[in-house]
C-alpha cells in the first residue's frame, strides 16, 4: 500500500459513531489497522458498536460526549490526547435534521451551523498537529 494512504497504527476519532455511515467507517478503519476513538452522547450505544465489531477490543476507545456542549468537546479532546498526539478526524456529529431551508427559522439554522463549526474548530485546534 502507498505510504500516503497507510493508516496502520494511526489514531482516528469518529464522532457520532453509533449510526449509519459512522459504523461503516469504524469497521473499515479497524480493518486498515488503525486505532479508533468512537464518540457519541450515549455510552451504552458506544458499547453496542464496540461489541458489534469483531477484533476491536484493544484498538477502540470510547468517549461519551454531547457535541452541543463546548466544555464537553474540550474535555473529550483532553481524553483523546492521552492516547495520541496527532489524530485523524471523521466528524459526523452535530444536529442534523431533514428540513426545508425555507421552513427553518434562521436561529435554528444558525444553531446547527454553530455547533458544527465550533466542534470542527475545537477538534482540529486541539487534536491536529500541522
Protein backbone atom coordinates (compact mmCIF):
# COMPACT_ATOMS: atom_id res chain seq x y z
CA UNK A 1 0.00 0.00 0.00
CA UNK A 2 1.17 3.53 -0.73
CA UNK A 3 2.57 5.06 2.48
CA UNK A 4 0.44 8.17 1.93
CA UNK A 5 -2.69 6.08 2.48
CA UNK A 6 -1.29 3.64 5.06
CA UNK A 7 -3.26 4.17 8.26
CA UNK A 8 -1.63 1.36 10.25
CA UNK A 9 -1.17 2.43 13.86
CA UNK A 10 -2.75 5.86 13.35
CA UNK A 11 -5.49 7.13 15.66
CA UNK A 12 -8.81 8.09 14.09
CA UNK A 13 -11.52 9.91 16.02
CA UNK A 14 -15.02 9.18 14.69
CA UNK A 15 -17.75 11.39 16.10
CA UNK A 16 -21.37 10.22 16.30
CA UNK A 17 -20.03 6.72 15.82
CA UNK A 18 -23.24 4.91 16.68
CA UNK A 19 -25.24 5.41 13.48
CA UNK A 20 -25.16 4.56 9.79
CA UNK A 21 -22.05 5.50 7.87
CA UNK A 22 -20.05 6.13 11.02
CA UNK A 23 -20.24 2.46 11.95
CA UNK A 24 -19.10 1.52 8.44
CA UNK A 25 -16.18 3.99 8.75
CA UNK A 26 -15.17 2.41 12.04
CA UNK A 27 -15.29 -1.13 10.62
CA UNK A 28 -13.29 -0.12 7.56
CA UNK A 29 -10.69 1.81 9.54
CA UNK A 30 -10.20 -1.05 12.01
CA UNK A 31 -9.61 -3.38 9.05
CA UNK A 32 -6.90 -0.97 7.86
CA UNK A 33 -5.03 -1.30 11.15
CA UNK A 34 -5.99 1.96 12.82
CA UNK A 35 -6.77 2.62 16.43
CA UNK A 36 -10.16 4.24 16.92
CA UNK A 37 -11.76 6.64 19.33
CA UNK A 38 -15.52 6.45 18.96
CA UNK A 39 -17.69 9.18 20.41
CA UNK A 40 -21.40 9.69 20.89
CA UNK A 41 -23.71 11.05 23.57
CA UNK A 42 -24.85 7.67 24.87
CA UNK A 43 -22.25 5.34 26.33
CA UNK A 44 -24.50 2.28 26.02
CA UNK A 45 -24.69 2.83 22.24
CA UNK A 46 -20.91 3.10 22.02
CA UNK A 47 -20.67 -0.22 23.88
CA UNK A 48 -23.10 -1.78 21.38
CA UNK A 49 -20.94 -0.63 18.46
CA UNK A 50 -17.77 -1.93 20.10
CA UNK A 51 -19.45 -5.28 20.77
CA UNK A 52 -20.76 -5.50 17.18
CA UNK A 53 -17.35 -5.08 15.55
CA UNK A 54 -15.02 -8.08 15.72
CA UNK A 55 -11.35 -7.74 16.71
CA UNK A 56 -11.81 -4.23 18.02
CA UNK A 57 -11.27 -4.69 21.77
CA UNK A 58 -7.72 -3.40 22.11
CA UNK A 59 -7.95 -0.92 19.22
CA UNK A 60 -11.04 1.02 20.26
CA UNK A 61 -11.55 3.64 22.94
CA UNK A 62 -14.96 5.07 23.79
CA UNK A 63 -15.63 8.65 24.87
CA UNK A 64 -19.17 9.75 25.66
CA UNK A 65 -19.68 13.38 24.64
CA UNK A 66 -22.51 15.77 23.78
CA UNK A 67 -21.05 17.87 20.97
CA UNK A 68 -23.53 20.67 21.54
CA UNK A 69 -21.69 21.47 24.78
CA UNK A 70 -18.39 23.25 24.15
CA UNK A 71 -16.89 22.32 27.53
CA UNK A 72 -17.63 18.64 26.81
CA UNK A 73 -15.76 18.87 23.49
CA UNK A 74 -12.70 20.30 25.23
CA UNK A 75 -12.91 17.55 27.85
CA UNK A 76 -13.18 14.93 25.09
CA UNK A 77 -10.07 16.23 23.33
CA UNK A 78 -8.15 16.05 26.61
CA UNK A 79 -9.12 12.39 26.98
CA UNK A 80 -8.17 11.63 23.37
CA UNK A 81 -4.77 13.32 23.73
CA UNK A 82 -3.99 10.81 26.50
CA UNK A 83 -3.67 8.18 23.76
CA UNK A 84 -2.03 10.00 20.85
CA UNK A 85 -0.63 13.38 19.88
CA UNK A 86 -1.93 13.64 16.34
CA UNK A 87 -5.37 12.44 15.32
CA UNK A 88 -7.27 11.93 12.08
CA UNK A 89 -10.83 13.18 12.49
CA UNK A 90 -14.03 11.89 10.89
CA UNK A 91 -16.62 14.40 12.07
CA UNK A 92 -20.16 13.09 11.70
CA UNK A 93 -21.56 14.78 14.78
CA UNK A 94 -23.87 17.70 15.10
CA UNK A 95 -27.53 18.41 14.94
CA UNK A 96 -28.76 17.13 11.65
CA UNK A 97 -32.43 17.06 10.86
CA UNK A 98 -34.03 16.83 7.47
CA UNK A 99 -35.82 20.04 6.73
CA UNK A 100 -36.50 22.53 4.03
CA UNK A 101 -34.30 25.57 4.47
CA UNK A 102 -37.31 27.71 3.57
CA UNK A 103 -39.26 26.48 6.59
CA UNK A 104 -36.50 26.62 9.18
CA UNK A 105 -36.21 29.61 11.45
CA UNK A 106 -32.95 31.48 10.98
CA UNK A 107 -32.00 31.00 14.67
CA UNK A 108 -32.36 27.22 14.40
CA UNK A 109 -30.29 27.08 11.25
CA UNK A 110 -27.57 29.23 12.82
CA UNK A 111 -27.56 26.97 15.87
CA UNK A 112 -26.95 23.90 13.69
CA UNK A 113 -24.15 25.66 11.80
CA UNK A 114 -22.61 26.97 15.02
CA UNK A 115 -22.44 23.51 16.58
CA UNK A 116 -20.76 22.02 13.51
CA UNK A 117 -18.25 24.86 13.16
CA UNK A 118 -17.48 25.04 16.88
CA UNK A 119 -16.89 21.29 17.04
CA UNK A 120 -14.71 21.39 13.93
CA UNK A 121 -12.63 24.25 15.35
CA UNK A 122 -12.16 22.64 18.77
CA UNK A 123 -11.31 19.19 17.41
CA UNK A 124 -8.81 20.46 14.86
CA UNK A 125 -7.32 23.06 17.18
CA UNK A 126 -6.73 20.57 19.98
CA UNK A 127 -6.00 17.33 18.10
CA UNK A 128 -4.38 18.02 14.74
CA UNK A 129 -0.74 18.93 14.61
CA UNK A 130 0.04 20.87 11.45
